[in-house]
């Protein structure tokens, strides 16, 4: 949906081979066969990593096999910013859609095209700045097991303080 519609529209970032020995998959076409799923991390049920794993597995199983999903769990502040930019993009896209050649409406002015490009750029910017938010956990010694306390996994846990 974020594909460019005019020469003024910003493009999604691409990942090209920079000569390093990175085991990452190159993403030379960020538009084909990709979907971003933005989910809230703050509800109590999503503080449980098992529930998140279940949701992510369900999404991946239900998505068509040829789509690569980018699933991002974000906090409330990030969600407010994302939703406001998404709504602005939707409104701007609706104006673009009403100016199609098969409609009776006049074509878009250059200012409207520039406005859409700015709104699209803002949405792309926030989408690539979103960071996964992980549940809070605390390290403890091995002798005093805390039972149901969250387990600590690298890159899946925020470490708290005493």
N, C-alpha and C. Protein backbone atom coordinates (compact mmCIF):
# COMPACT_ATOMS: atom_id res chain seq x y z
N UNK A 1 0.81 -1.20 0.00
CA UNK A 1 0.00 0.00 0.00
C UNK A 1 0.86 1.26 0.00
N UNK A 2 2.10 1.14 0.44
CA UNK A 2 2.96 2.32 0.53
C UNK A 2 3.76 2.55 -0.75
N UNK A 3 3.40 1.88 -1.82
CA UNK A 3 4.15 2.04 -3.06
C UNK A 3 4.05 3.49 -3.54
N UNK A 4 5.07 3.97 -4.23
CA UNK A 4 5.02 5.35 -4.72
C UNK A 4 3.95 5.50 -5.80
N UNK A 5 3.25 6.61 -5.75
CA UNK A 5 2.20 6.90 -6.72
C UNK A 5 2.57 8.04 -7.66
N UNK A 6 3.64 8.75 -7.31
CA UNK A 6 4.15 9.80 -8.20
C UNK A 6 5.66 9.90 -8.00
N UNK A 7 6.29 10.67 -8.86
CA UNK A 7 7.75 10.81 -8.78
C UNK A 7 8.18 11.57 -7.52
N UNK A 8 7.26 12.22 -6.84
CA UNK A 8 7.59 12.98 -5.63
C UNK A 8 7.60 12.10 -4.37
N UNK A 9 6.97 10.93 -4.44
CA UNK A 9 6.81 10.09 -3.25
C UNK A 9 8.13 9.49 -2.79
N UNK A 10 8.35 9.48 -1.47
CA UNK A 10 9.57 8.84 -0.94
C UNK A 10 9.48 7.33 -1.08
N UNK A 11 10.62 6.68 -1.11
CA UNK A 11 10.69 5.23 -1.26
C UNK A 11 11.01 4.57 0.07
N UNK A 12 10.56 3.33 0.22
CA UNK A 12 10.93 2.55 1.40
C UNK A 12 12.42 2.26 1.35
N UNK A 13 13.07 2.17 2.51
CA UNK A 13 14.51 1.86 2.50
C UNK A 13 14.77 0.45 2.01
N UNK A 14 15.89 0.26 1.34
CA UNK A 14 16.29 -1.06 0.87
C UNK A 14 17.58 -1.46 1.57
N UNK A 15 17.81 -2.76 1.64
CA UNK A 15 19.03 -3.28 2.24
C UNK A 15 19.84 -3.92 1.13
N UNK A 16 20.97 -3.32 0.83
CA UNK A 16 21.81 -3.82 -0.25
C UNK A 16 23.08 -4.43 0.31
N UNK A 17 23.70 -5.30 -0.45
CA UNK A 17 24.95 -5.93 -0.04
C UNK A 17 26.04 -4.87 0.01
N UNK A 18 26.57 -4.65 1.23
CA UNK A 18 27.61 -3.63 1.38
C UNK A 18 29.01 -4.25 1.40
N UNK A 19 29.11 -5.53 1.05
CA UNK A 19 30.41 -6.19 1.00
C UNK A 19 30.78 -6.88 2.30
N UNK A 20 30.04 -6.62 3.38
CA UNK A 20 30.36 -7.27 4.66
C UNK A 20 29.82 -8.70 4.65
N UNK A 21 30.26 -9.47 5.62
CA UNK A 21 29.84 -10.87 5.69
C UNK A 21 28.64 -11.02 6.60
N UNK A 22 27.61 -10.26 6.35
CA UNK A 22 26.38 -10.31 7.14
C UNK A 22 25.53 -11.48 6.66
N UNK A 23 25.05 -12.33 7.60
CA UNK A 23 24.20 -13.46 7.19
C UNK A 23 22.76 -13.04 6.89
N UNK A 24 22.51 -11.74 6.85
CA UNK A 24 21.15 -11.25 6.64
C UNK A 24 20.69 -11.47 5.20
N UNK A 25 19.41 -11.66 5.06
CA UNK A 25 18.82 -11.77 3.73
C UNK A 25 18.71 -10.36 3.15
N UNK A 26 19.12 -10.21 1.92
CA UNK A 26 19.01 -8.90 1.29
C UNK A 26 17.56 -8.60 0.96
N UNK A 27 17.18 -7.36 1.19
CA UNK A 27 15.84 -6.91 0.83
C UNK A 27 16.02 -5.82 -0.21
N UNK A 28 16.06 -6.24 -1.46
CA UNK A 28 16.25 -5.26 -2.54
C UNK A 28 14.93 -4.68 -3.02
N UNK A 29 13.84 -5.36 -2.74
CA UNK A 29 12.51 -4.87 -3.11
C UNK A 29 11.63 -4.88 -1.87
N UNK A 30 11.51 -3.77 -1.16
CA UNK A 30 10.73 -3.76 0.08
C UNK A 30 9.22 -3.73 -0.15
N UNK A 31 8.77 -3.69 -1.40
CA UNK A 31 7.34 -3.59 -1.69
C UNK A 31 6.67 -4.93 -1.95
N UNK A 32 7.42 -5.90 -2.47
CA UNK A 32 6.81 -7.16 -2.87
C UNK A 32 6.84 -8.19 -1.75
N UNK A 33 5.71 -8.79 -1.52
CA UNK A 33 5.58 -9.94 -0.62
C UNK A 33 5.98 -9.63 0.81
N UNK A 34 5.69 -8.44 1.29
CA UNK A 34 6.01 -8.05 2.66
C UNK A 34 4.78 -7.41 3.29
N UNK A 35 4.62 -7.67 4.58
CA UNK A 35 3.53 -7.04 5.34
C UNK A 35 4.04 -6.73 6.74
N UNK A 36 3.70 -5.54 7.22
CA UNK A 36 4.06 -5.14 8.58
C UNK A 36 2.82 -5.25 9.45
N UNK A 37 2.98 -5.85 10.61
CA UNK A 37 1.89 -5.99 11.57
C UNK A 37 2.34 -5.30 12.85
N UNK A 38 1.60 -4.27 13.24
CA UNK A 38 1.93 -3.47 14.42
C UNK A 38 0.94 -3.84 15.51
N UNK A 39 1.45 -4.31 16.65
CA UNK A 39 0.59 -4.77 17.74
C UNK A 39 0.92 -4.04 19.04
N UNK A 40 -0.08 -3.89 19.93
CA UNK A 40 0.16 -3.21 21.21
C UNK A 40 0.85 -4.14 22.20
N UNK A 41 1.89 -3.64 22.86
CA UNK A 41 2.63 -4.46 23.83
C UNK A 41 2.13 -4.24 25.26
N UNK A 42 1.34 -3.18 25.50
CA UNK A 42 1.00 -2.83 26.88
C UNK A 42 -0.15 -3.61 27.51
N UNK A 43 -1.11 -4.22 26.79
CA UNK A 43 -2.15 -4.98 27.48
C UNK A 43 -1.55 -6.15 28.28
N UNK A 44 -2.17 -6.46 29.40
CA UNK A 44 -1.64 -7.48 30.31
C UNK A 44 -1.42 -8.82 29.61
N UNK A 45 -2.34 -9.22 28.74
CA UNK A 45 -2.19 -10.53 28.09
C UNK A 45 -0.97 -10.58 27.18
N UNK A 46 -0.55 -9.43 26.67
CA UNK A 46 0.62 -9.42 25.79
C UNK A 46 1.93 -9.21 26.54
N UNK A 47 1.87 -9.14 27.86
CA UNK A 47 3.09 -9.12 28.67
C UNK A 47 3.64 -10.53 28.82
N UNK A 48 2.82 -11.51 28.55
CA UNK A 48 3.22 -12.92 28.62
C UNK A 48 3.82 -13.32 27.26
N UNK A 49 5.10 -13.70 27.28
CA UNK A 49 5.79 -14.05 26.03
C UNK A 49 5.16 -15.26 25.35
N UNK A 50 4.57 -16.17 26.13
CA UNK A 50 3.92 -17.33 25.50
C UNK A 50 2.72 -16.89 24.68
N UNK A 51 1.98 -15.89 25.18
CA UNK A 51 0.84 -15.38 24.43
C UNK A 51 1.31 -14.67 23.15
N UNK A 52 2.38 -13.90 23.26
CA UNK A 52 2.93 -13.24 22.07
C UNK A 52 3.38 -14.28 21.05
N UNK A 53 4.07 -15.31 21.53
CA UNK A 53 4.51 -16.37 20.61
C UNK A 53 3.32 -17.01 19.91
N UNK A 54 2.23 -17.24 20.67
CA UNK A 54 1.02 -17.83 20.10
C UNK A 54 0.44 -16.91 19.02
N UNK A 55 0.34 -15.61 19.33
CA UNK A 55 -0.21 -14.65 18.36
C UNK A 55 0.66 -14.61 17.10
N UNK A 56 1.97 -14.53 17.28
CA UNK A 56 2.87 -14.47 16.12
C UNK A 56 2.80 -15.74 15.29
N UNK A 57 2.75 -16.89 15.96
CA UNK A 57 2.67 -18.15 15.22
C UNK A 57 1.35 -18.23 14.45
N UNK A 58 0.26 -17.80 15.08
CA UNK A 58 -1.04 -17.81 14.42
C UNK A 58 -1.03 -16.89 13.19
N UNK A 59 -0.47 -15.70 13.35
CA UNK A 59 -0.39 -14.77 12.21
C UNK A 59 0.41 -15.38 11.07
N UNK A 60 1.54 -15.99 11.40
CA UNK A 60 2.39 -16.56 10.35
C UNK A 60 1.72 -17.76 9.68
N UNK A 61 0.99 -18.54 10.45
CA UNK A 61 0.29 -19.69 9.85
C UNK A 61 -0.86 -19.25 8.95
N UNK A 62 -1.52 -18.17 9.32
CA UNK A 62 -2.68 -17.72 8.55
C UNK A 62 -2.31 -16.85 7.35
N UNK A 63 -1.12 -16.29 7.36
CA UNK A 63 -0.69 -15.45 6.24
C UNK A 63 -0.34 -16.34 5.05
N UNK A 64 -0.55 -15.85 3.85
CA UNK A 64 -0.12 -16.62 2.68
C UNK A 64 1.38 -16.93 2.77
N UNK A 65 1.76 -18.09 2.29
CA UNK A 65 3.14 -18.57 2.44
C UNK A 65 4.16 -17.67 1.77
N UNK A 66 3.77 -16.94 0.75
CA UNK A 66 4.73 -16.11 0.03
C UNK A 66 4.96 -14.74 0.69
N UNK A 67 4.25 -14.44 1.78
CA UNK A 67 4.42 -13.16 2.46
C UNK A 67 5.39 -13.27 3.63
N UNK A 68 6.29 -12.32 3.74
CA UNK A 68 7.18 -12.21 4.90
C UNK A 68 6.56 -11.18 5.83
N UNK A 69 6.25 -11.60 7.06
CA UNK A 69 5.63 -10.69 8.02
C UNK A 69 6.69 -10.03 8.89
N UNK A 70 6.53 -8.75 9.11
CA UNK A 70 7.34 -8.02 10.09
C UNK A 70 6.39 -7.69 11.23
N UNK A 71 6.54 -8.39 12.35
CA UNK A 71 5.65 -8.21 13.50
C UNK A 71 6.38 -7.36 14.53
N UNK A 72 5.74 -6.28 14.93
CA UNK A 72 6.36 -5.35 15.86
C UNK A 72 5.40 -5.06 17.02
N UNK A 73 5.87 -5.30 18.25
CA UNK A 73 5.11 -5.03 19.47
C UNK A 73 5.58 -3.68 20.00
N UNK A 74 4.68 -2.71 20.06
CA UNK A 74 5.11 -1.35 20.43
C UNK A 74 4.38 -0.85 21.68
N UNK A 75 4.95 0.18 22.31
CA UNK A 75 4.33 0.74 23.51
C UNK A 75 3.25 1.75 23.14
N UNK A 76 2.57 2.26 24.17
CA UNK A 76 1.43 3.15 23.96
C UNK A 76 1.83 4.44 23.25
N UNK A 77 2.96 5.02 23.65
CA UNK A 77 3.42 6.26 23.02
C UNK A 77 3.72 6.08 21.55
N UNK A 78 4.41 4.98 21.22
CA UNK A 78 4.70 4.69 19.81
C UNK A 78 3.41 4.48 19.03
N UNK A 79 2.44 3.80 19.66
CA UNK A 79 1.17 3.52 18.98
C UNK A 79 0.41 4.82 18.68
N UNK A 80 0.43 5.77 19.61
CA UNK A 80 -0.25 7.05 19.37
C UNK A 80 0.36 7.77 18.17
N UNK A 81 1.68 7.81 18.11
CA UNK A 81 2.36 8.47 16.99
C UNK A 81 2.06 7.74 15.69
N UNK A 82 2.18 6.40 15.72
CA UNK A 82 1.93 5.61 14.52
C UNK A 82 0.50 5.81 14.02
N UNK A 83 -0.48 5.73 14.93
CA UNK A 83 -1.88 5.86 14.52
C UNK A 83 -2.18 7.25 13.95
N UNK A 84 -1.61 8.30 14.54
CA UNK A 84 -1.87 9.64 14.01
C UNK A 84 -1.29 9.79 12.60
N UNK A 85 -0.09 9.27 12.38
CA UNK A 85 0.52 9.36 11.05
C UNK A 85 -0.21 8.45 10.06
N UNK A 86 -0.68 7.30 10.53
CA UNK A 86 -1.42 6.38 9.65
C UNK A 86 -2.74 7.02 9.21
N UNK A 87 -3.44 7.66 10.17
CA UNK A 87 -4.71 8.32 9.82
C UNK A 87 -4.49 9.47 8.83
N UNK A 88 -3.43 10.24 9.05
CA UNK A 88 -3.11 11.34 8.12
C UNK A 88 -2.83 10.78 6.73
N UNK A 89 -2.11 9.66 6.67
CA UNK A 89 -1.81 9.03 5.37
C UNK A 89 -3.10 8.53 4.72
N UNK A 90 -3.99 7.92 5.50
CA UNK A 90 -5.27 7.44 4.95
C UNK A 90 -6.08 8.58 4.34
N UNK A 91 -6.16 9.70 5.07
CA UNK A 91 -6.91 10.86 4.55
C UNK A 91 -6.30 11.36 3.25
N UNK A 92 -4.99 11.44 3.23
CA UNK A 92 -4.30 11.92 2.03
C UNK A 92 -4.46 10.94 0.87
N UNK A 93 -4.41 9.65 1.17
CA UNK A 93 -4.61 8.63 0.14
C UNK A 93 -6.03 8.69 -0.42
N UNK A 94 -7.01 8.95 0.44
CA UNK A 94 -8.40 9.06 -0.02
C UNK A 94 -8.54 10.21 -1.01
N UNK A 95 -7.84 11.31 -0.78
CA UNK A 95 -7.88 12.42 -1.73
C UNK A 95 -7.25 12.02 -3.05
N UNK A 96 -6.15 11.26 -2.98
CA UNK A 96 -5.51 10.78 -4.21
C UNK A 96 -6.44 9.87 -4.98
N UNK A 97 -7.11 8.98 -4.27
CA UNK A 97 -7.99 8.00 -4.92
C UNK A 97 -9.17 8.68 -5.60
N UNK A 98 -9.65 9.78 -5.02
CA UNK A 98 -10.79 10.46 -5.63
C UNK A 98 -10.39 11.25 -6.87
N UNK A 99 -9.10 11.40 -7.10
CA UNK A 99 -8.63 12.16 -8.27
C UNK A 99 -8.20 11.24 -9.41
N UNK A 100 -8.66 10.01 -9.39
CA UNK A 100 -8.31 9.10 -10.48
C UNK A 100 -8.91 9.59 -11.79
N UNK A 101 -8.29 9.22 -12.91
CA UNK A 101 -8.77 9.70 -14.22
C UNK A 101 -10.20 9.27 -14.53
N UNK A 102 -10.65 8.14 -13.99
CA UNK A 102 -12.00 7.67 -14.30
C UNK A 102 -13.06 8.34 -13.42
N UNK A 103 -12.65 9.24 -12.51
CA UNK A 103 -13.59 9.99 -11.68
C UNK A 103 -13.87 11.35 -12.32
N UNK A 104 -14.95 11.96 -11.89
CA UNK A 104 -15.32 13.28 -12.42
C UNK A 104 -14.57 14.42 -11.72
N UNK A 105 -13.78 14.10 -10.72
CA UNK A 105 -13.07 15.13 -9.96
C UNK A 105 -11.90 15.69 -10.76
N UNK A 106 -11.52 16.93 -10.49
CA UNK A 106 -10.35 17.50 -11.17
C UNK A 106 -9.07 16.80 -10.70
N UNK A 107 -8.04 16.80 -11.52
CA UNK A 107 -6.78 16.16 -11.12
C UNK A 107 -6.15 16.89 -9.94
N UNK A 108 -5.28 16.19 -9.24
CA UNK A 108 -4.61 16.77 -8.08
C UNK A 108 -3.65 17.87 -8.49
N UNK A 109 -3.56 18.87 -7.65
CA UNK A 109 -2.59 19.93 -7.88
C UNK A 109 -1.21 19.46 -7.41
N UNK A 110 -0.19 20.20 -7.81
CA UNK A 110 1.17 19.86 -7.36
C UNK A 110 1.27 19.94 -5.84
N UNK A 111 0.55 20.91 -5.24
CA UNK A 111 0.58 21.05 -3.78
C UNK A 111 -0.01 19.81 -3.11
N UNK A 112 -1.08 19.26 -3.66
CA UNK A 112 -1.68 18.05 -3.08
C UNK A 112 -0.73 16.86 -3.21
N UNK A 113 -0.02 16.77 -4.33
CA UNK A 113 0.96 15.69 -4.50
C UNK A 113 2.11 15.84 -3.51
N UNK A 114 2.56 17.06 -3.30
CA UNK A 114 3.64 17.31 -2.34
C UNK A 114 3.16 16.99 -0.93
N UNK A 115 1.93 17.37 -0.62
CA UNK A 115 1.36 17.08 0.70
C UNK A 115 1.29 15.57 0.93
N UNK A 116 0.84 14.82 -0.08
CA UNK A 116 0.79 13.36 0.05
C UNK A 116 2.19 12.78 0.25
N UNK A 117 3.17 13.27 -0.49
CA UNK A 117 4.54 12.77 -0.36
C UNK A 117 5.07 13.02 1.05
N UNK A 118 4.75 14.17 1.64
CA UNK A 118 5.20 14.47 3.00
C UNK A 118 4.55 13.54 4.01
N UNK A 119 3.25 13.32 3.87
CA UNK A 119 2.53 12.43 4.79
C UNK A 119 3.05 11.00 4.65
N UNK A 120 3.28 10.55 3.43
CA UNK A 120 3.82 9.22 3.20
C UNK A 120 5.21 9.10 3.82
N UNK A 121 6.03 10.12 3.64
CA UNK A 121 7.37 10.11 4.24
C UNK A 121 7.32 10.02 5.75
N UNK A 122 6.37 10.73 6.38
CA UNK A 122 6.21 10.66 7.84
C UNK A 122 5.82 9.26 8.28
N UNK A 123 4.92 8.61 7.53
CA UNK A 123 4.50 7.25 7.88
C UNK A 123 5.65 6.26 7.72
N UNK A 124 6.38 6.35 6.63
CA UNK A 124 7.52 5.46 6.42
C UNK A 124 8.55 5.66 7.52
N UNK A 125 8.79 6.92 7.88
CA UNK A 125 9.77 7.21 8.93
C UNK A 125 9.40 6.54 10.25
N UNK A 126 8.14 6.68 10.69
CA UNK A 126 7.75 6.09 11.97
C UNK A 126 7.74 4.57 11.89
N UNK A 127 7.36 4.01 10.74
CA UNK A 127 7.34 2.54 10.63
C UNK A 127 8.72 1.94 10.79
N UNK A 128 9.74 2.64 10.34
CA UNK A 128 11.09 2.12 10.45
C UNK A 128 11.80 2.57 11.72
N UNK A 129 11.11 3.35 12.56
CA UNK A 129 11.66 3.74 13.85
C UNK A 129 11.02 2.96 15.00
N UNK A 130 9.98 2.20 14.72
CA UNK A 130 9.31 1.45 15.78
C UNK A 130 10.25 0.39 16.34
N UNK A 131 10.24 0.27 17.67
CA UNK A 131 11.07 -0.72 18.34
C UNK A 131 10.19 -1.69 19.11
N UNK A 132 10.53 -2.97 19.04
CA UNK A 132 9.83 -3.97 19.83
C UNK A 132 10.00 -3.67 21.31
N UNK A 133 8.90 -3.78 22.05
CA UNK A 133 8.92 -3.60 23.50
C UNK A 133 8.75 -4.98 24.12
N UNK A 134 9.64 -5.30 25.04
CA UNK A 134 9.61 -6.62 25.67
C UNK A 134 9.18 -6.49 27.13
N UNK A 135 8.60 -7.56 27.71
CA UNK A 135 8.18 -7.51 29.11
C UNK A 135 9.38 -7.33 30.04
N UNK A 136 9.11 -6.74 31.18
CA UNK A 136 10.13 -6.50 32.19
C UNK A 136 10.42 -7.78 32.95
N UNK A 137 11.69 -8.07 33.18
CA UNK A 137 12.10 -9.23 33.99
C UNK A 137 13.28 -8.81 34.84
N UNK A 138 13.52 -9.56 35.92
CA UNK A 138 14.64 -9.27 36.81
C UNK A 138 15.51 -10.51 36.93
N UNK A 139 16.81 -10.27 36.94
CA UNK A 139 17.75 -11.36 37.17
C UNK A 139 17.75 -11.71 38.65
N UNK A 140 17.89 -12.98 38.95
CA UNK A 140 17.96 -13.42 40.35
C UNK A 140 18.93 -14.58 40.42
N UNK A 141 19.36 -14.92 41.64
CA UNK A 141 20.30 -16.03 41.76
C UNK A 141 19.58 -17.35 41.52
N UNK A 142 20.34 -18.36 41.21
CA UNK A 142 19.75 -19.65 40.85
C UNK A 142 19.15 -20.38 42.05
N UNK A 143 19.59 -20.03 43.28
CA UNK A 143 19.09 -20.72 44.47
C UNK A 143 17.66 -20.31 44.79
N UNK A 144 17.34 -19.06 44.64
CA UNK A 144 16.02 -18.57 45.00
C UNK A 144 15.13 -18.43 43.78
N UNK A 145 14.60 -19.52 43.28
CA UNK A 145 13.73 -19.48 42.11
C UNK A 145 12.47 -18.68 42.42
N UNK A 146 12.07 -17.85 41.51
CA UNK A 146 10.90 -17.01 41.72
C UNK A 146 9.63 -17.60 41.10
N UNK A 147 9.65 -18.86 40.74
CA UNK A 147 8.46 -19.54 40.24
C UNK A 147 7.97 -19.02 38.91
N UNK A 148 6.89 -18.25 38.92
CA UNK A 148 6.25 -17.80 37.68
C UNK A 148 6.83 -16.50 37.13
N UNK A 149 7.95 -16.03 37.69
CA UNK A 149 8.51 -14.77 37.17
C UNK A 149 8.96 -14.98 35.73
N UNK A 150 8.90 -13.93 34.93
CA UNK A 150 9.28 -14.06 33.52
C UNK A 150 10.73 -14.52 33.36
N UNK A 151 10.95 -15.41 32.40
CA UNK A 151 12.31 -15.85 32.11
C UNK A 151 13.01 -14.78 31.30
N UNK A 152 14.33 -14.74 31.42
CA UNK A 152 15.13 -13.73 30.73
C UNK A 152 15.72 -14.34 29.47
N UNK A 153 15.42 -13.72 28.32
CA UNK A 153 15.97 -14.13 27.04
C UNK A 153 16.63 -12.91 26.40
N UNK A 154 17.82 -13.11 25.87
CA UNK A 154 18.49 -12.01 25.19
C UNK A 154 17.64 -11.54 24.03
N UNK A 155 17.53 -10.24 23.90
CA UNK A 155 16.79 -9.59 22.82
C UNK A 155 15.28 -9.83 22.88
N UNK A 156 14.79 -10.36 24.00
CA UNK A 156 13.35 -10.55 24.19
C UNK A 156 12.90 -10.11 25.57
N UNK A 157 13.77 -9.43 26.34
CA UNK A 157 13.45 -9.06 27.71
C UNK A 157 14.06 -7.71 28.03
N UNK A 158 13.29 -6.88 28.74
CA UNK A 158 13.84 -5.66 29.34
C UNK A 158 14.24 -6.00 30.75
N UNK A 159 15.47 -5.68 31.12
CA UNK A 159 15.92 -5.95 32.48
C UNK A 159 15.52 -4.80 33.38
N UNK A 160 14.89 -5.14 34.51
CA UNK A 160 14.48 -4.13 35.49
C UNK A 160 15.56 -3.93 36.53
N UNK A 161 15.28 -3.09 37.51
CA UNK A 161 16.21 -2.83 38.60
C UNK A 161 15.55 -3.23 39.90
N UNK A 162 16.37 -3.32 40.95
CA UNK A 162 15.82 -3.68 42.27
C UNK A 162 15.06 -2.53 42.87
